[in-house]
N, C-alpha and C. Protein backbone atom coordinates (compact mmCIF):
# COMPACT_ATOMS: atom_id res chain seq x y z
N UNK A 1 0.71 47.42 43.59
CA UNK A 1 -0.64 47.00 43.30
C UNK A 1 -0.79 46.59 41.83
N UNK A 2 -0.17 47.38 40.93
CA UNK A 2 -0.25 47.08 39.51
C UNK A 2 0.42 45.74 39.21
N UNK A 3 1.53 45.45 39.89
CA UNK A 3 2.23 44.19 39.67
C UNK A 3 1.39 43.00 40.10
N UNK A 4 0.69 43.14 41.22
CA UNK A 4 -0.18 42.06 41.71
C UNK A 4 -1.31 41.82 40.71
N UNK A 5 -1.93 42.91 40.23
CA UNK A 5 -3.01 42.78 39.26
C UNK A 5 -2.50 42.14 37.97
N UNK A 6 -1.32 42.56 37.52
CA UNK A 6 -0.73 41.99 36.32
C UNK A 6 -0.41 40.51 36.52
N UNK A 7 0.08 40.15 37.69
CA UNK A 7 0.37 38.76 37.99
C UNK A 7 -0.90 37.91 37.93
N UNK A 8 -1.98 38.39 38.57
CA UNK A 8 -3.24 37.65 38.54
C UNK A 8 -3.79 37.53 37.13
N UNK A 9 -3.70 38.61 36.37
CA UNK A 9 -4.16 38.58 34.98
C UNK A 9 -3.35 37.56 34.18
N UNK A 10 -2.05 37.55 34.37
CA UNK A 10 -1.18 36.60 33.66
C UNK A 10 -1.51 35.17 34.02
N UNK A 11 -1.70 34.91 35.29
CA UNK A 11 -2.05 33.55 35.74
C UNK A 11 -3.39 33.14 35.14
N UNK A 12 -4.35 34.04 35.12
CA UNK A 12 -5.67 33.75 34.55
C UNK A 12 -5.56 33.40 33.07
N UNK A 13 -4.84 34.22 32.31
CA UNK A 13 -4.69 33.99 30.88
C UNK A 13 -3.98 32.66 30.63
N UNK A 14 -2.92 32.39 31.35
CA UNK A 14 -2.19 31.14 31.18
C UNK A 14 -3.07 29.94 31.53
N UNK A 15 -3.83 30.03 32.59
CA UNK A 15 -4.70 28.90 32.96
C UNK A 15 -5.80 28.69 31.94
N UNK A 16 -6.31 29.76 31.35
CA UNK A 16 -7.33 29.63 30.31
C UNK A 16 -6.75 28.96 29.07
N UNK A 17 -5.57 29.37 28.66
CA UNK A 17 -4.91 28.78 27.50
C UNK A 17 -4.63 27.30 27.75
N UNK A 18 -4.13 26.98 28.93
CA UNK A 18 -3.82 25.58 29.26
C UNK A 18 -5.08 24.74 29.31
N UNK A 19 -6.15 25.25 29.88
CA UNK A 19 -7.37 24.45 29.98
C UNK A 19 -7.99 24.24 28.61
N UNK A 20 -7.88 25.23 27.72
CA UNK A 20 -8.41 25.07 26.37
C UNK A 20 -7.62 24.01 25.61
N UNK A 21 -6.32 23.98 25.79
CA UNK A 21 -5.51 23.02 25.04
C UNK A 21 -5.63 21.61 25.60
N UNK A 22 -6.26 21.46 26.75
CA UNK A 22 -6.39 20.12 27.32
C UNK A 22 -7.62 19.39 26.77
N UNK A 23 -8.39 20.06 25.93
CA UNK A 23 -9.54 19.45 25.29
C UNK A 23 -9.43 19.62 23.78
N UNK A 24 -10.01 18.70 23.03
CA UNK A 24 -10.05 18.83 21.58
C UNK A 24 -11.10 19.88 21.21
N UNK A 25 -10.92 20.47 20.06
CA UNK A 25 -11.88 21.46 19.61
C UNK A 25 -13.27 20.84 19.45
N UNK A 26 -14.28 21.62 19.79
CA UNK A 26 -15.68 21.16 19.60
C UNK A 26 -16.26 21.79 18.34
N UNK A 27 -15.41 22.39 17.55
CA UNK A 27 -15.82 23.09 16.34
C UNK A 27 -16.63 22.20 15.39
N UNK A 28 -16.34 20.91 15.38
CA UNK A 28 -16.99 20.00 14.43
C UNK A 28 -18.00 19.06 15.11
N UNK A 29 -18.37 19.35 16.33
CA UNK A 29 -19.28 18.47 17.05
C UNK A 29 -20.68 18.40 16.44
N UNK A 30 -21.01 19.35 15.57
CA UNK A 30 -22.34 19.35 14.97
C UNK A 30 -22.40 18.64 13.62
N UNK A 31 -21.32 17.98 13.22
CA UNK A 31 -21.32 17.20 11.98
C UNK A 31 -22.36 16.09 12.12
N UNK A 32 -23.17 15.90 11.08
CA UNK A 32 -24.25 14.91 11.11
C UNK A 32 -23.68 13.51 10.82
N UNK A 33 -23.38 12.78 11.88
CA UNK A 33 -22.79 11.44 11.73
C UNK A 33 -23.75 10.47 11.06
N UNK A 34 -25.04 10.61 11.31
CA UNK A 34 -26.01 9.72 10.68
C UNK A 34 -25.98 9.86 9.16
N UNK A 35 -25.83 11.09 8.69
CA UNK A 35 -25.73 11.32 7.25
C UNK A 35 -24.49 10.64 6.68
N UNK A 36 -23.39 10.73 7.40
CA UNK A 36 -22.14 10.10 6.95
C UNK A 36 -22.28 8.58 6.96
N UNK A 37 -22.86 8.04 8.00
CA UNK A 37 -23.03 6.59 8.11
C UNK A 37 -23.95 6.05 7.01
N UNK A 38 -24.96 6.81 6.65
CA UNK A 38 -25.92 6.36 5.63
C UNK A 38 -25.33 6.38 4.22
N UNK A 39 -24.26 7.12 4.02
CA UNK A 39 -23.68 7.28 2.69
C UNK A 39 -22.32 6.60 2.61
N UNK A 40 -22.25 5.51 1.87
CA UNK A 40 -20.97 4.84 1.69
C UNK A 40 -19.94 5.77 1.07
N UNK A 41 -20.39 6.65 0.17
CA UNK A 41 -19.47 7.57 -0.48
C UNK A 41 -18.84 8.52 0.55
N UNK A 42 -19.67 9.14 1.40
CA UNK A 42 -19.14 10.05 2.42
C UNK A 42 -18.25 9.31 3.41
N UNK A 43 -18.71 8.17 3.88
CA UNK A 43 -17.94 7.42 4.87
C UNK A 43 -16.60 6.97 4.29
N UNK A 44 -16.62 6.51 3.05
CA UNK A 44 -15.38 6.07 2.41
C UNK A 44 -14.41 7.24 2.24
N UNK A 45 -14.93 8.45 1.98
CA UNK A 45 -14.06 9.62 1.89
C UNK A 45 -13.34 9.87 3.21
N UNK A 46 -14.06 9.73 4.33
CA UNK A 46 -13.42 9.90 5.64
C UNK A 46 -12.40 8.80 5.90
N UNK A 47 -12.76 7.58 5.56
CA UNK A 47 -11.83 6.46 5.74
C UNK A 47 -10.57 6.69 4.91
N UNK A 48 -10.76 7.10 3.66
CA UNK A 48 -9.60 7.38 2.80
C UNK A 48 -8.74 8.50 3.36
N UNK A 49 -9.37 9.52 3.93
CA UNK A 49 -8.63 10.60 4.57
C UNK A 49 -7.77 10.03 5.70
N UNK A 50 -8.39 9.25 6.57
CA UNK A 50 -7.68 8.69 7.72
C UNK A 50 -6.55 7.76 7.30
N UNK A 51 -6.72 7.11 6.16
CA UNK A 51 -5.71 6.18 5.66
C UNK A 51 -4.69 6.86 4.74
N UNK A 52 -4.85 8.17 4.57
CA UNK A 52 -3.99 8.96 3.69
C UNK A 52 -4.06 8.48 2.25
N UNK A 53 -5.27 8.08 1.85
CA UNK A 53 -5.52 7.64 0.47
C UNK A 53 -6.33 8.67 -0.30
N UNK A 54 -6.75 9.71 0.37
CA UNK A 54 -7.58 10.72 -0.28
C UNK A 54 -7.50 12.04 0.46
N UNK A 55 -8.17 13.03 -0.12
CA UNK A 55 -8.19 14.36 0.49
C UNK A 55 -9.03 14.35 1.75
N UNK A 56 -8.71 15.28 2.65
CA UNK A 56 -9.45 15.40 3.91
C UNK A 56 -10.26 16.69 3.94
N UNK A 57 -11.46 16.59 4.45
CA UNK A 57 -12.21 17.78 4.79
C UNK A 57 -11.56 18.36 6.05
N UNK A 58 -11.87 19.60 6.41
CA UNK A 58 -11.27 20.14 7.64
C UNK A 58 -11.57 19.29 8.88
N UNK A 59 -12.80 18.77 9.00
CA UNK A 59 -13.11 17.94 10.16
C UNK A 59 -12.40 16.59 10.07
N UNK A 60 -12.25 16.06 8.87
CA UNK A 60 -11.51 14.81 8.70
C UNK A 60 -10.04 14.97 9.05
N UNK A 61 -9.46 16.09 8.66
CA UNK A 61 -8.06 16.36 8.98
C UNK A 61 -7.86 16.49 10.49
N UNK A 62 -8.81 17.14 11.16
CA UNK A 62 -8.74 17.27 12.62
C UNK A 62 -8.85 15.90 13.28
N UNK A 63 -9.75 15.08 12.78
CA UNK A 63 -9.92 13.72 13.31
C UNK A 63 -8.64 12.92 13.14
N UNK A 64 -8.06 13.00 11.96
CA UNK A 64 -6.81 12.27 11.69
C UNK A 64 -5.69 12.73 12.62
N UNK A 65 -5.67 14.01 12.92
CA UNK A 65 -4.64 14.57 13.79
C UNK A 65 -4.77 14.08 15.23
N UNK A 66 -6.01 13.94 15.71
CA UNK A 66 -6.19 13.61 17.13
C UNK A 66 -6.35 12.12 17.42
N UNK A 67 -6.59 11.29 16.43
CA UNK A 67 -6.83 9.86 16.68
C UNK A 67 -5.73 9.22 17.52
N UNK A 68 -4.46 9.38 17.19
CA UNK A 68 -3.43 8.70 18.01
C UNK A 68 -3.49 9.11 19.49
N UNK A 69 -3.64 10.39 19.74
CA UNK A 69 -3.72 10.87 21.12
C UNK A 69 -4.99 10.37 21.81
N UNK A 70 -6.10 10.42 21.10
CA UNK A 70 -7.38 9.97 21.68
C UNK A 70 -7.31 8.49 22.06
N UNK A 71 -6.68 7.69 21.23
CA UNK A 71 -6.54 6.27 21.55
C UNK A 71 -5.68 6.07 22.79
N UNK A 72 -4.60 6.80 22.87
CA UNK A 72 -3.68 6.64 23.99
C UNK A 72 -4.25 7.14 25.31
N UNK A 73 -5.12 8.14 25.25
CA UNK A 73 -5.61 8.78 26.47
C UNK A 73 -7.06 8.42 26.80
N UNK A 74 -7.57 7.37 26.19
CA UNK A 74 -8.97 6.97 26.41
C UNK A 74 -9.93 8.12 26.11
N UNK A 75 -9.60 8.91 25.14
CA UNK A 75 -10.44 10.02 24.70
C UNK A 75 -10.70 11.01 25.85
N UNK A 76 -9.72 11.16 26.72
CA UNK A 76 -9.90 12.03 27.88
C UNK A 76 -10.07 13.49 27.51
N UNK A 77 -9.64 13.88 26.33
CA UNK A 77 -9.78 15.27 25.89
C UNK A 77 -11.02 15.47 25.01
N UNK A 78 -11.80 14.41 24.85
CA UNK A 78 -12.99 14.46 24.01
C UNK A 78 -14.18 15.05 24.77
N UNK A 79 -15.03 15.74 24.03
CA UNK A 79 -16.31 16.17 24.58
C UNK A 79 -17.23 14.94 24.63
N UNK A 80 -18.32 15.03 25.33
CA UNK A 80 -19.28 13.91 25.37
C UNK A 80 -19.80 13.61 23.97
N UNK A 81 -20.04 14.65 23.18
CA UNK A 81 -20.50 14.47 21.81
C UNK A 81 -19.47 13.67 21.02
N UNK A 82 -18.20 13.99 21.19
CA UNK A 82 -17.14 13.28 20.48
C UNK A 82 -17.03 11.84 20.94
N UNK A 83 -17.16 11.60 22.23
CA UNK A 83 -17.11 10.23 22.74
C UNK A 83 -18.26 9.41 22.18
N UNK A 84 -19.46 9.95 22.22
CA UNK A 84 -20.62 9.23 21.71
C UNK A 84 -20.53 9.01 20.20
N UNK A 85 -20.08 10.03 19.48
CA UNK A 85 -19.92 9.90 18.03
C UNK A 85 -18.87 8.87 17.67
N UNK A 86 -17.79 8.85 18.41
CA UNK A 86 -16.74 7.86 18.15
C UNK A 86 -17.26 6.45 18.32
N UNK A 87 -17.99 6.23 19.40
CA UNK A 87 -18.55 4.90 19.64
C UNK A 87 -19.51 4.50 18.52
N UNK A 88 -20.34 5.44 18.11
CA UNK A 88 -21.31 5.17 17.05
C UNK A 88 -20.60 4.77 15.75
N UNK A 89 -19.59 5.55 15.36
CA UNK A 89 -18.86 5.26 14.12
C UNK A 89 -18.06 3.97 14.22
N UNK A 90 -17.44 3.75 15.36
CA UNK A 90 -16.66 2.53 15.54
C UNK A 90 -17.55 1.30 15.43
N UNK A 91 -18.69 1.34 16.09
CA UNK A 91 -19.62 0.21 16.02
C UNK A 91 -20.12 0.00 14.59
N UNK A 92 -20.43 1.08 13.91
CA UNK A 92 -20.91 0.94 12.53
C UNK A 92 -19.84 0.31 11.64
N UNK A 93 -18.62 0.83 11.72
CA UNK A 93 -17.54 0.28 10.91
C UNK A 93 -17.25 -1.18 11.27
N UNK A 94 -17.19 -1.47 12.54
CA UNK A 94 -16.88 -2.82 13.00
C UNK A 94 -17.97 -3.82 12.59
N UNK A 95 -19.22 -3.39 12.71
CA UNK A 95 -20.34 -4.29 12.42
C UNK A 95 -20.70 -4.36 10.94
N UNK A 96 -20.49 -3.27 10.18
CA UNK A 96 -21.03 -3.20 8.83
C UNK A 96 -20.00 -2.99 7.73
N UNK A 97 -18.86 -2.50 8.06
CA UNK A 97 -17.83 -2.20 7.06
C UNK A 97 -16.50 -2.77 7.54
N UNK A 98 -16.48 -4.06 7.74
CA UNK A 98 -15.33 -4.72 8.36
C UNK A 98 -14.04 -4.52 7.56
N UNK A 99 -14.14 -4.51 6.23
CA UNK A 99 -12.93 -4.32 5.43
C UNK A 99 -12.31 -2.95 5.70
N UNK A 100 -13.14 -1.91 5.78
CA UNK A 100 -12.65 -0.57 6.07
C UNK A 100 -12.11 -0.52 7.50
N UNK A 101 -12.82 -1.18 8.42
CA UNK A 101 -12.38 -1.24 9.81
C UNK A 101 -10.99 -1.88 9.89
N UNK A 102 -10.81 -2.99 9.17
CA UNK A 102 -9.52 -3.69 9.21
C UNK A 102 -8.38 -2.81 8.71
N UNK A 103 -8.64 -2.02 7.68
CA UNK A 103 -7.61 -1.11 7.18
C UNK A 103 -7.25 -0.05 8.22
N UNK A 104 -8.27 0.51 8.87
CA UNK A 104 -8.04 1.51 9.91
C UNK A 104 -7.30 0.90 11.09
N UNK A 105 -7.70 -0.30 11.45
CA UNK A 105 -7.03 -0.99 12.57
C UNK A 105 -5.56 -1.24 12.24
N UNK A 106 -5.28 -1.64 11.01
CA UNK A 106 -3.90 -1.89 10.60
C UNK A 106 -3.05 -0.62 10.69
N UNK A 107 -3.65 0.51 10.41
CA UNK A 107 -2.91 1.77 10.46
C UNK A 107 -2.75 2.29 11.88
N UNK A 108 -3.84 2.29 12.65
CA UNK A 108 -3.83 2.95 13.96
C UNK A 108 -3.62 2.01 15.15
N UNK A 109 -3.64 0.70 14.89
CA UNK A 109 -3.47 -0.25 16.00
C UNK A 109 -2.70 -1.48 15.52
N UNK A 110 -1.54 -1.24 14.94
CA UNK A 110 -0.73 -2.32 14.36
C UNK A 110 -0.45 -3.44 15.34
N UNK A 111 -0.25 -3.10 16.61
CA UNK A 111 0.11 -4.09 17.62
C UNK A 111 -1.10 -4.66 18.36
N UNK A 112 -2.29 -4.24 18.00
CA UNK A 112 -3.50 -4.77 18.64
C UNK A 112 -3.71 -4.30 20.07
N UNK A 113 -3.04 -3.23 20.45
CA UNK A 113 -3.13 -2.73 21.83
C UNK A 113 -4.53 -2.21 22.13
N UNK A 114 -5.06 -1.39 21.24
CA UNK A 114 -6.33 -0.72 21.52
C UNK A 114 -7.53 -1.64 21.34
N UNK A 115 -7.44 -2.57 20.39
CA UNK A 115 -8.55 -3.51 20.20
C UNK A 115 -8.72 -4.36 21.45
N UNK A 116 -7.61 -4.72 22.09
CA UNK A 116 -7.69 -5.46 23.35
C UNK A 116 -8.21 -4.57 24.47
N UNK A 117 -7.70 -3.36 24.51
CA UNK A 117 -8.07 -2.41 25.56
C UNK A 117 -9.57 -2.10 25.53
N UNK A 118 -10.13 -2.00 24.33
CA UNK A 118 -11.53 -1.62 24.19
C UNK A 118 -12.41 -2.80 23.78
N UNK A 119 -11.95 -4.01 24.02
CA UNK A 119 -12.70 -5.21 23.62
C UNK A 119 -14.10 -5.23 24.18
N UNK A 120 -14.28 -4.76 25.40
CA UNK A 120 -15.63 -4.78 25.99
C UNK A 120 -16.60 -3.92 25.19
N UNK A 121 -16.11 -2.84 24.59
CA UNK A 121 -16.98 -2.01 23.75
C UNK A 121 -17.45 -2.78 22.53
N UNK A 122 -16.58 -3.59 21.96
CA UNK A 122 -16.96 -4.37 20.78
C UNK A 122 -17.90 -5.50 21.15
N UNK A 123 -17.73 -6.06 22.32
CA UNK A 123 -18.64 -7.11 22.79
C UNK A 123 -20.06 -6.59 22.91
N UNK A 124 -20.20 -5.33 23.27
CA UNK A 124 -21.53 -4.72 23.39
C UNK A 124 -22.23 -4.62 22.05
N UNK A 125 -21.45 -4.52 20.98
CA UNK A 125 -22.06 -4.35 19.66
C UNK A 125 -22.44 -5.69 19.04
N UNK A 126 -21.93 -6.76 19.58
CA UNK A 126 -22.19 -8.08 18.99
C UNK A 126 -23.58 -8.58 19.34
C-alpha cells in the first residue's frame, strides 16, 4: 500500500513539475507596458538589453532568454497577458520605432522566417 501511495505521489510531483516547465513564468506579467511604451528611455533600455548592448533588468533578462523559443513555438508557452503584451510592444516598435525594430529583427530573425510567418499581424497594424 505504501508503495502504491508513493508511486502516485511521485507521478503527481513529476506531472506538476513538467506542467510548470511547459509555460513561461508569469512573475513579470504585471509590468506596466504602457509606461515602458511612453518612455523612450525605458523602451530603449529594454531594446539594448535584448540586443546585448546594455544591462538587463530581471524581466528584460527573462524576455531575452525566452524570445527564441517563443518565436519558434508561436508563443505556445505564453500566458494570455504575455501574448497580448507581445503584440502591443511589437506593433508599437514596428509602427513607431522602426530603427529599433530593424535592429531586433536583424538579431532574432536574420532569415526573415518569423516576419513572414507573422505577416498578417503586421498587416493589422497598418
